[in-house]
C-alpha atoms as a PDB file:
ATOM      1  CA  UNK A   1      -6.427  37.363  11.031  1.00  0.00           C
ATOM      2  CA  UNK A   2      -2.851  36.724   9.846  1.00  0.00           C
ATOM      3  CA  UNK A   3      -2.094  33.862   7.463  1.00  0.00           C
ATOM      4  CA  UNK A   4      -0.257  31.978  10.203  1.00  0.00           C
ATOM      5  CA  UNK A   5      -3.077  32.485  12.707  1.00  0.00           C
ATOM      6  CA  UNK A   6      -5.604  31.350  10.144  1.00  0.00           C
ATOM      7  CA  UNK A   7      -3.587  28.219   9.408  1.00  0.00           C
ATOM      8  CA  UNK A   8      -3.316  27.382  13.109  1.00  0.00           C
ATOM      9  CA  UNK A   9      -7.044  27.909  13.496  1.00  0.00           C
ATOM     10  CA  UNK A  10      -7.602  25.443  10.684  1.00  0.00           C
ATOM     11  CA  UNK A  11      -5.680  22.775  12.589  1.00  0.00           C
ATOM     12  CA  UNK A  12      -8.509  21.901  14.915  1.00  0.00           C
ATOM     13  CA  UNK A  13     -10.455  18.645  15.320  1.00  0.00           C
ATOM     14  CA  UNK A  14     -13.752  18.373  13.489  1.00  0.00           C
ATOM     15  CA  UNK A  15     -16.500  15.827  12.964  1.00  0.00           C
ATOM     16  CA  UNK A  16     -14.535  14.287  10.089  1.00  0.00           C
ATOM     17  CA  UNK A  17     -10.892  15.138  10.894  1.00  0.00           C
ATOM     18  CA  UNK A  18      -8.419  14.906  13.745  1.00  0.00           C
ATOM     19  CA  UNK A  19      -5.094  16.732  14.053  1.00  0.00           C
ATOM     20  CA  UNK A  20      -2.063  14.466  14.372  1.00  0.00           C
ATOM     21  CA  UNK A  21       1.656  14.993  14.868  1.00  0.00           C
ATOM     22  CA  UNK A  22       4.349  13.888  12.451  1.00  0.00           C
ATOM     23  CA  UNK A  23       6.696  11.478  14.216  1.00  0.00           C
ATOM     24  CA  UNK A  24       9.238  10.589  11.507  1.00  0.00           C
ATOM     25  CA  UNK A  25      10.031  11.250   7.845  1.00  0.00           C
ATOM     26  CA  UNK A  26      12.125   9.097   5.488  1.00  0.00           C
ATOM     27  CA  UNK A  27      13.213  10.370   2.060  1.00  0.00           C
ATOM     28  CA  UNK A  28      13.931   7.343  -0.121  1.00  0.00           C
ATOM     29  CA  UNK A  29      15.085   9.402  -3.115  1.00  0.00           C
ATOM     30  CA  UNK A  30      14.354  12.686  -4.868  1.00  0.00           C
ATOM     31  CA  UNK A  31      10.741  11.800  -5.601  1.00  0.00           C
ATOM     32  CA  UNK A  32       9.647   9.325  -2.919  1.00  0.00           C
ATOM     33  CA  UNK A  33       9.192   9.616   0.844  1.00  0.00           C
ATOM     34  CA  UNK A  34       7.353   8.021   3.744  1.00  0.00           C
ATOM     35  CA  UNK A  35       6.292   9.340   7.117  1.00  0.00           C
ATOM     36  CA  UNK A  36       4.633   8.288  10.353  1.00  0.00           C
ATOM     37  CA  UNK A  37       2.091  10.195  12.442  1.00  0.00           C
ATOM     38  CA  UNK A  38       0.398   9.716  15.786  1.00  0.00           C
ATOM     39  CA  UNK A  39      -2.616   7.433  15.887  1.00  0.00           C
ATOM     40  CA  UNK A  40      -5.756   8.449  17.802  1.00  0.00           C
ATOM     41  CA  UNK A  41      -6.839   5.903  20.397  1.00  0.00           C
ATOM     42  CA  UNK A  42     -10.237   5.675  18.704  1.00  0.00           C
ATOM     43  CA  UNK A  43      -8.858   5.123  15.170  1.00  0.00           C
ATOM     44  CA  UNK A  44      -9.598   1.613  13.876  1.00  0.00           C
ATOM     45  CA  UNK A  45      -8.914   0.212  10.407  1.00  0.00           C
ATOM     46  CA  UNK A  46      -8.429  -3.024   8.506  1.00  0.00           C
ATOM     47  CA  UNK A  47      -4.983  -3.626   7.052  1.00  0.00           C
ATOM     48  CA  UNK A  48      -5.107  -2.522   3.392  1.00  0.00           C
ATOM     49  CA  UNK A  49      -7.541   0.382   3.830  1.00  0.00           C
ATOM     50  CA  UNK A  50      -6.960   4.054   2.972  1.00  0.00           C
ATOM     51  CA  UNK A  51      -7.819   7.294   4.740  1.00  0.00           C
ATOM     52  CA  UNK A  52      -7.844  11.017   3.967  1.00  0.00           C
ATOM     53  CA  UNK A  53      -4.847  13.037   5.153  1.00  0.00           C
ATOM     54  CA  UNK A  54      -3.879  16.618   4.420  1.00  0.00           C
ATOM     55  CA  UNK A  55      -2.946  20.157   5.373  1.00  0.00           C
ATOM     56  CA  UNK A  56      -4.761  23.492   5.662  1.00  0.00           C
ATOM     57  CA  UNK A  57      -5.716  24.883   2.276  1.00  0.00           C
ATOM     58  CA  UNK A  58      -7.214  28.105   0.975  1.00  0.00           C
ATOM     59  CA  UNK A  59     -10.151  28.409   3.355  1.00  0.00           C
ATOM     60  CA  UNK A  60     -10.614  24.666   3.803  1.00  0.00           C
ATOM     61  CA  UNK A  61      -8.469  21.565   4.348  1.00  0.00           C
ATOM     62  CA  UNK A  62      -6.545  20.221   1.359  1.00  0.00           C
ATOM     63  CA  UNK A  63      -7.032  16.454   1.540  1.00  0.00           C
ATOM     64  CA  UNK A  64      -6.034  13.377  -0.441  1.00  0.00           C
ATOM     65  CA  UNK A  65      -6.635   9.656  -0.019  1.00  0.00           C
ATOM     66  CA  UNK A  66      -3.582   7.704   1.137  1.00  0.00           C
ATOM     67  CA  UNK A  67      -3.300   3.980   1.752  1.00  0.00           C
ATOM     68  CA  UNK A  68      -2.155   3.174   5.264  1.00  0.00           C
ATOM     69  CA  UNK A  69       1.204   1.389   5.122  1.00  0.00           C
ATOM     70  CA  UNK A  70       1.284   0.303   8.763  1.00  0.00           C
ATOM     71  CA  UNK A  71      -0.565  -2.805   9.973  1.00  0.00           C
ATOM     72  CA  UNK A  72      -3.811  -2.534  11.891  1.00  0.00           C
ATOM     73  CA  UNK A  73      -2.150  -3.148  15.262  1.00  0.00           C
ATOM     74  CA  UNK A  74       0.585  -0.470  14.917  1.00  0.00           C
ATOM     75  CA  UNK A  75       0.777   2.372  17.425  1.00  0.00           C
ATOM     76  CA  UNK A  76       1.607   4.899  14.700  1.00  0.00           C
ATOM     77  CA  UNK A  77       0.220   5.368  11.189  1.00  0.00           C
ATOM     78  CA  UNK A  78       2.617   5.194   8.253  1.00  0.00           C
ATOM     79  CA  UNK A  79       2.181   6.490   4.701  1.00  0.00           C
ATOM     80  CA  UNK A  80       4.150   6.361   1.442  1.00  0.00           C
ATOM     81  CA  UNK A  81       4.005   9.279  -0.990  1.00  0.00           C
ATOM     82  CA  UNK A  82       5.507  10.614  -4.188  1.00  0.00           C
ATOM     83  CA  UNK A  83       6.912  14.139  -4.413  1.00  0.00           C
ATOM     84  CA  UNK A  84       5.152  16.260  -7.001  1.00  0.00           C
ATOM     85  CA  UNK A  85       6.805  19.716  -7.314  1.00  0.00           C
ATOM     86  CA  UNK A  86       3.593  21.392  -8.477  1.00  0.00           C
ATOM     87  CA  UNK A  87       1.182  19.139  -6.563  1.00  0.00           C
ATOM     88  CA  UNK A  88      -1.294  21.121  -4.452  1.00  0.00           C
ATOM     89  CA  UNK A  89      -0.720  18.829  -1.478  1.00  0.00           C
ATOM     90  CA  UNK A  90       2.471  16.844  -2.079  1.00  0.00           C
ATOM     91  CA  UNK A  91       4.532  19.963  -2.889  1.00  0.00           C
ATOM     92  CA  UNK A  92       3.959  20.952   0.753  1.00  0.00           C
ATOM     93  CA  UNK A  93       3.656  17.523   2.323  1.00  0.00           C
ATOM     94  CA  UNK A  94       7.154  16.515   1.201  1.00  0.00           C
ATOM     95  CA  UNK A  95       8.566  19.304   3.403  1.00  0.00           C
ATOM     96  CA  UNK A  96       7.047  18.109   6.676  1.00  0.00           C
ATOM     97  CA  UNK A  97       9.294  17.543   9.674  1.00  0.00           C
ATOM     98  CA  UNK A  98       8.844  15.638  12.934  1.00  0.00           C
ATOM     99  CA  UNK A  99       6.692  17.739  15.228  1.00  0.00           C
ATOM    100  CA  UNK A 100       4.586  19.218  12.429  1.00  0.00           C
ATOM    101  CA  UNK A 101       0.845  18.653  12.380  1.00  0.00           C
ATOM    102  CA  UNK A 102      -1.521  17.466   9.683  1.00  0.00           C
ATOM    103  CA  UNK A 103      -5.109  16.350   9.263  1.00  0.00           C
ATOM    104  CA  UNK A 104      -6.260  12.741   9.500  1.00  0.00           C
ATOM    105  CA  UNK A 105      -9.697  11.554   8.410  1.00  0.00           C
ATOM    106  CA  UNK A 106     -11.760   9.668  10.965  1.00  0.00           C
ATOM    107  CA  UNK A 107     -13.192   7.044   8.578  1.00  0.00           C
ATOM    108  CA  UNK A 108     -10.803   4.651   6.809  1.00  0.00           C
ATOM    109  CA  UNK A 109     -12.256   2.501   4.053  1.00  0.00           C
ATOM    110  CA  UNK A 110     -11.276   0.481   0.990  1.00  0.00           C
ATOM    111  CA  UNK A 111     -11.490  -2.801  -0.896  1.00  0.00           C
ATOM    112  CA  UNK A 112      -7.863  -4.000  -0.647  1.00  0.00           C
ATOM    113  CA  UNK A 113      -8.794  -6.106   2.358  1.00  0.00           C
ATOM    114  CA  UNK A 114      -8.973  -9.846   2.881  1.00  0.00           C
ATOM    115  CA  UNK A 115     -12.697  -9.558   3.665  1.00  0.00           C
ATOM    116  CA  UNK A 116     -13.226  -8.923  -0.061  1.00  0.00           C
ATOM    117  CA  UNK A 117     -11.505 -12.168  -1.090  1.00  0.00           C
ATOM    118  CA  UNK A 118     -12.688 -15.748  -1.101  1.00  0.00           C
ATOM    119  CA  UNK A 119     -10.531 -18.276   0.794  1.00  0.00           C
ATOM    120  CA  UNK A 120      -7.480 -19.468  -1.140  1.00  0.00           C
ATOM    121  CA  UNK A 121      -3.933 -20.755  -0.855  1.00  0.00           C
ATOM    122  CA  UNK A 122      -1.672 -18.278  -2.675  1.00  0.00           C
ATOM    123  CA  UNK A 123      -2.158 -14.520  -2.327  1.00  0.00           C
ATOM    124  CA  UNK A 124      -0.445 -12.374  -4.955  1.00  0.00           C
ATOM    125  CA  UNK A 125      -0.104  -8.674  -4.091  1.00  0.00           C
ATOM    126  CA  UNK A 126       0.836  -6.856  -7.308  1.00  0.00           C
ATOM    127  CA  UNK A 127       2.019  -3.249  -6.962  1.00  0.00           C
ATOM    128  CA  UNK A 128       3.706  -0.460  -8.860  1.00  0.00           C
ATOM    129  CA  UNK A 129       5.237   2.643  -7.279  1.00  0.00           C
ATOM    130  CA  UNK A 130       3.478   3.849  -4.137  1.00  0.00           C
ATOM    131  CA  UNK A 131       0.866   1.135  -4.692  1.00  0.00           C
ATOM    132  CA  UNK A 132       3.165  -0.828  -2.384  1.00  0.00           C
ATOM    133  CA  UNK A 133       1.668   0.945   0.661  1.00  0.00           C
ATOM    134  CA  UNK A 134      -1.428  -1.173   1.387  1.00  0.00           C
ATOM    135  CA  UNK A 135       0.599  -4.344   0.925  1.00  0.00           C
ATOM    136  CA  UNK A 136       3.121  -3.185   3.516  1.00  0.00           C
ATOM    137  CA  UNK A 137       0.156  -3.074   5.869  1.00  0.00           C
ATOM    138  CA  UNK A 138      -1.169  -6.474   4.897  1.00  0.00           C
ATOM    139  CA  UNK A 139       2.214  -8.249   4.851  1.00  0.00           C
ATOM    140  CA  UNK A 140       2.849  -7.149   8.444  1.00  0.00           C
ATOM    141  CA  UNK A 141      -0.540  -8.316   9.701  1.00  0.00           C
ATOM    142  CA  UNK A 142      -0.356 -11.783  11.304  1.00  0.00           C
ATOM    143  CA  UNK A 143      -3.952 -12.567  10.311  1.00  0.00           C
ATOM    144  CA  UNK A 144      -3.025 -12.850   6.636  1.00  0.00           C
ATOM    145  CA  UNK A 145      -0.664 -15.750   7.369  1.00  0.00           C
ATOM    146  CA  UNK A 146      -3.539 -17.629   8.941  1.00  0.00           C
ATOM    147  CA  UNK A 147      -5.717 -17.087   5.861  1.00  0.00           C
ATOM    148  CA  UNK A 148      -3.229 -17.920   3.073  1.00  0.00           C
ATOM    149  CA  UNK A 149      -0.438 -20.451   2.784  1.00  0.00           C
ATOM    150  CA  UNK A 150       1.778 -18.271   0.569  1.00  0.00           C
ATOM    151  CA  UNK A 151       2.037 -14.476   0.339  1.00  0.00           C
ATOM    152  CA  UNK A 152       3.793 -13.156  -2.795  1.00  0.00           C
ATOM    153  CA  UNK A 153       4.446  -9.403  -2.898  1.00  0.00           C
ATOM    154  CA  UNK A 154       5.526  -7.988  -6.276  1.00  0.00           C
ATOM    155  CA  UNK A 155       6.788  -4.390  -6.476  1.00  0.00           C
ATOM    156  CA  UNK A 156       7.489  -2.920  -9.922  1.00  0.00           C
ATOM    157  CA  UNK A 157       9.356   0.415 -10.161  1.00  0.00           C
ATOM    158  CA  UNK A 158      11.391   2.376 -12.682  1.00  0.00           C
ATOM    159  CA  UNK A 159      14.704   2.615 -10.815  1.00  0.00           C
ATOM    160  CA  UNK A 160      16.318   0.688  -7.986  1.00  0.00           C
ATOM    161  CA  UNK A 161      16.110   3.577  -5.504  1.00  0.00           C
ATOM    162  CA  UNK A 162      12.308   3.496  -5.902  1.00  0.00           C
ATOM    163  CA  UNK A 163      12.231   0.168  -4.037  1.00  0.00           C
ATOM    164  CA  UNK A 164      11.093   1.668  -0.740  1.00  0.00           C
ATOM    165  CA  UNK A 165      11.233  -0.669   2.267  1.00  0.00           C
ATOM    166  CA  UNK A 166      13.394  -3.056   0.222  1.00  0.00           C
ATOM    167  CA  UNK A 167      15.629  -4.068   3.147  1.00  0.00           C
ATOM    168  CA  UNK A 168      12.655  -4.897   5.354  1.00  0.00           C
ATOM    169  CA  UNK A 169      10.963  -6.942   2.647  1.00  0.00           C
ATOM    170  CA  UNK A 170      14.107  -8.758   1.483  1.00  0.00           C
ATOM    171  CA  UNK A 171      14.688  -9.860   5.078  1.00  0.00           C
ATOM    172  CA  UNK A 172      11.231 -11.477   5.053  1.00  0.00           C
ATOM    173  CA  UNK A 173      10.164  -9.080   7.837  1.00  0.00           C
ATOM    174  CA  UNK A 174      13.007 -10.108  10.130  1.00  0.00           C
ATOM    175  CA  UNK A 175      12.590  -8.431  13.500  1.00  0.00           C
ATOM    176  CA  UNK A 176       8.855  -7.988  13.146  1.00  0.00           C
ATOM    177  CA  UNK A 177       7.482  -8.992  16.579  1.00  0.00           C
ATOM    178  CA  UNK A 178       4.309 -10.603  15.256  1.00  0.00           C
ATOM    179  CA  UNK A 179       5.061 -11.863  11.742  1.00  0.00           C
ATOM    180  CA  UNK A 180       8.709 -12.821  11.367  1.00  0.00           C
ATOM    181  CA  UNK A 181       8.242 -16.523  12.083  1.00  0.00           C
ATOM    182  CA  UNK A 182       5.329 -16.939   9.670  1.00  0.00           C
ATOM    183  CA  UNK A 183       6.902 -14.657   7.043  1.00  0.00           C
ATOM    184  CA  UNK A 184      10.101 -16.702   7.014  1.00  0.00           C
ATOM    185  CA  UNK A 185       8.075 -19.683   5.808  1.00  0.00           C
ATOM    186  CA  UNK A 186       5.264 -18.066   3.824  1.00  0.00           C
ATOM    187  CA  UNK A 187       6.359 -14.641   2.508  1.00  0.00           C
ATOM    188  CA  UNK A 188       7.973 -14.041  -0.900  1.00  0.00           C
ATOM    189  CA  UNK A 189       9.161 -10.590  -2.057  1.00  0.00           C
ATOM    190  CA  UNK A 190       9.726 -10.036  -5.780  1.00  0.00           C
ATOM    191  CA  UNK A 191      11.028  -6.557  -6.712  1.00  0.00           C
ATOM    192  CA  UNK A 192      11.400  -5.728 -10.399  1.00  0.00           C
ATOM    193  CA  UNK A 193      12.890  -2.668 -12.129  1.00  0.00           C
ATOM    194  CA  UNK A 194      12.095  -1.422 -15.621  1.00  0.00           C
ATOM    195  CA  UNK A 195      14.694   1.266 -16.391  1.00  0.00           C
ATOM    196  CA  UNK A 196      17.922   0.156 -14.695  1.00  0.00           C
ATOM    197  CA  UNK A 197      19.910  -3.074 -14.518  1.00  0.00           C
ATOM    198  CA  UNK A 198      18.681  -5.265 -11.645  1.00  0.00           C
ATOM    199  CA  UNK A 199      18.467  -8.950 -10.844  1.00  0.00           C
ATOM    200  CA  UNK A 200      14.833  -8.844 -12.021  1.00  0.00           C
ATOM    201  CA  UNK A 201      13.781  -6.588 -14.887  1.00  0.00           C
ATOM    202  CA  UNK A 202      10.462  -6.067 -16.619  1.00  0.00           C
ATOM    203  CA  UNK A 203       6.887  -5.140 -15.928  1.00  0.00           C
ATOM    204  CA  UNK A 204       4.556  -7.399 -14.010  1.00  0.00           C
ATOM    205  CA  UNK A 205       2.858  -8.698 -17.158  1.00  0.00           C
ATOM    206  CA  UNK A 206       6.265  -9.817 -18.460  1.00  0.00           C
ATOM    207  CA  UNK A 207       6.911 -11.721 -15.224  1.00  0.00           C
ATOM    208  CA  UNK A 208       3.577 -13.464 -15.682  1.00  0.00           C
ATOM    209  CA  UNK A 209       4.188 -14.298 -19.329  1.00  0.00           C
ATOM    210  CA  UNK A 210       7.611 -15.913 -18.822  1.00  0.00           C
ATOM    211  CA  UNK A 211       6.768 -17.556 -15.497  1.00  0.00           C
ATOM    212  CA  UNK A 212       9.150 -15.592 -13.271  1.00  0.00           C
ATOM    213  CA  UNK A 213       6.224 -14.511 -11.098  1.00  0.00           C
ATOM    214  CA  UNK A 214       5.731 -18.136 -10.081  1.00  0.00           C
ATOM    215  CA  UNK A 215       9.396 -19.001  -9.533  1.00  0.00           C
ATOM    216  CA  UNK A 216      11.609 -18.570  -6.494  1.00  0.00           C
ATOM    217  CA  UNK A 217      10.185 -20.068  -3.315  1.00  0.00           C
ATOM    218  CA  UNK A 218       6.624 -20.034  -4.663  1.00  0.00           C
ATOM    219  CA  UNK A 219       5.082 -23.493  -4.978  1.00  0.00           C
ATOM    220  CA  UNK A 220       2.036 -24.581  -6.938  1.00  0.00           C
ATOM    221  CA  UNK A 221       0.918 -24.010 -10.533  1.00  0.00           C
ATOM    222  CA  UNK A 222       3.173 -21.948 -12.810  1.00  0.00           C
ATOM    223  CA  UNK A 223       0.148 -19.842 -13.732  1.00  0.00           C
ATOM    224  CA  UNK A 224      -2.824 -18.145 -12.080  1.00  0.00           C
ATOM    225  CA  UNK A 225      -5.563 -20.551 -11.005  1.00  0.00           C
ATOM    226  CA  UNK A 226      -8.898 -19.188  -9.704  1.00  0.00           C
ATOM    227  CA  UNK A 227      -9.362 -22.375  -7.688  1.00  0.00           C
ATOM    228  CA  UNK A 228      -6.415 -21.612  -5.423  1.00  0.00           C
ATOM    229  CA  UNK A 229      -5.047 -18.126  -6.159  1.00  0.00           C
ATOM    230  CA  UNK A 230      -6.189 -14.720  -4.951  1.00  0.00           C
ATOM    231  CA  UNK A 231      -4.862 -11.426  -6.318  1.00  0.00           C
ATOM    232  CA  UNK A 232      -4.717  -7.847  -5.035  1.00  0.00           C
ATOM    233  CA  UNK A 233      -3.575  -4.990  -7.279  1.00  0.00           C
ATOM    234  CA  UNK A 234      -2.609  -1.400  -6.508  1.00  0.00           C
ATOM    235  CA  UNK A 235      -0.638   1.129  -8.547  1.00  0.00           C
ATOM    236  CA  UNK A 236      -0.796   2.393 -12.101  1.00  0.00           C
ATOM    237  CA  UNK A 237      -4.188   2.489 -13.782  1.00  0.00           C
ATOM    238  CA  UNK A 238      -2.756   0.817 -16.907  1.00  0.00           C
ATOM    239  CA  UNK A 239      -1.415  -2.125 -14.902  1.00  0.00           C
ATOM    240  CA  UNK A 240      -4.684  -2.610 -13.039  1.00  0.00           C
ATOM    241  CA  UNK A 241      -6.788  -2.366 -16.184  1.00  0.00           C
ATOM    242  CA  UNK A 242      -4.634  -4.751 -18.220  1.00  0.00           C
ATOM    243  CA  UNK A 243      -4.226  -7.372 -15.502  1.00  0.00           C
ATOM    244  CA  UNK A 244      -7.882  -7.076 -14.524  1.00  0.00           C
ATOM    245  CA  UNK A 245      -8.890  -7.998 -18.075  1.00  0.00           C
ATOM    246  CA  UNK A 246      -6.318 -10.792 -18.059  1.00  0.00           C
ATOM    247  CA  UNK A 247      -7.685 -12.280 -14.837  1.00  0.00           C
ATOM    248  CA  UNK A 248     -11.268 -11.925 -16.071  1.00  0.00           C
ATOM    249  CA  UNK A 249     -10.301 -14.019 -19.077  1.00  0.00           C
ATOM    250  CA  UNK A 250      -8.985 -16.755 -16.779  1.00  0.00           C
ATOM    251  CA  UNK A 251     -12.288 -16.995 -14.927  1.00  0.00           C
ATOM    252  CA  UNK A 252     -11.389 -14.786 -11.978  1.00  0.00           C
ATOM    253  CA  UNK A 253     -14.184 -12.646 -10.513  1.00  0.00           C
ATOM    254  CA  UNK A 254     -13.547  -9.228  -8.948  1.00  0.00           C
ATOM    255  CA  UNK A 255     -14.507  -9.100  -5.280  1.00  0.00           C
ATOM    256  CA  UNK A 256     -15.845  -6.425  -2.951  1.00  0.00           C
ATOM    257  CA  UNK A 257     -16.712  -6.070   0.706  1.00  0.00           C
ATOM    258  CA  UNK A 258     -20.294  -7.043  -0.129  1.00  0.00           C
ATOM    259  CA  UNK A 259     -19.420  -9.935  -2.456  1.00  0.00           C
ATOM    260  CA  UNK A 260     -15.970 -11.527  -1.985  1.00  0.00           C
ATOM    261  CA  UNK A 261     -14.231 -12.730  -5.140  1.00  0.00           C
ATOM    262  CA  UNK A 262     -10.940 -13.961  -6.606  1.00  0.00           C
ATOM    263  CA  UNK A 263      -9.205 -10.573  -6.985  1.00  0.00           C
ATOM    264  CA  UNK A 264      -9.582  -6.994  -5.765  1.00  0.00           C
ATOM    265  CA  UNK A 265      -8.409  -3.528  -6.731  1.00  0.00           C
ATOM    266  CA  UNK A 266      -8.788  -0.185  -4.983  1.00  0.00           C
ATOM    267  CA  UNK A 267     -11.402   1.546  -7.106  1.00  0.00           C
ATOM    268  CA  UNK A 268     -11.130   4.776  -5.141  1.00  0.00           C
ATOM    269  CA  UNK A 269      -7.790   5.391  -6.878  1.00  0.00           C
ATOM    270  CA  UNK A 270      -8.694   3.927 -10.258  1.00  0.00           C
ATOM    271  CA  UNK A 271     -11.995   5.642 -10.974  1.00  0.00           C
END
C-alpha cells in the first residue's frame, strides 16, 4: 500500500475517533494559529473541556489534547495552537487548509468547568499563551453569566501579536448572539504583555501584587477573597504552580468535578 493510500485508510471513524473536516484557519503570527472543524451531531461537551485531536502517524494516529475554544452550543469546534517547527504533531498541523481532514476524539473531559467550582460572585480566568482557549469557550457561554456577577479574563503573553482574539475580547463579545448583552455589563478583558511596550505590562503575579488585576471595571475587594472569588488557571506550569500555592495560602481550596472548590486548573496539561 502506498504512503498516501495508507494515510487515507487511517482517516476512518473508530470507536474512539471521528474524522472531521477543517473549515477555517487563522494564522495570528509566526508561531500561533487557530482553526475550526466540523462538529459531529453526537458530540457533546461542557464549555472549558478538552478533547484529543490529531493526524495519521506512523502506523497509528498522532494525537494531542487540545482545549476547545468554542462554546458548548457552537456548530463548529474551534482550537488554538502554537507552531512548533520540530513538533511531531504541530509541525504538520500548522499547515492544514480548509477542506483537510483530521481526527477528533469522541470523549471530551476536563476540570476547567463551572461544575468544579463553588458558587461565587467574581470569576477570574487567568491564562498565558494558548491557555486562553478554554476561557474563550467559557466567556462565550451564556450560562456563566447566570452563575457569576463578574467575569474577568486575564491573558498574559510575550508580545502584542500573541494576543489572539484580542479584537473580539476588547469589544466585550460585541456581535455574539447569546452573550453580548450580559458581557457588556459583566465581562472584563485584561491583556498583559511581558516583552514589548503595551498599555499593561507584567506577569499575572505582578498584576496581583500591585492591584492592577482588581482595577478597571472590576468591583469588590482589591484582593482575592475565598468567600466571593473563584479562579480558573490555564497556561504555563510555572504560573499555575506559583499561583496555586498563593491561593492555597489565602485559604482557597482546589476543586474538581467530584468536589467543587474555590479554584481549578487543568491537571491533564500540568501533570
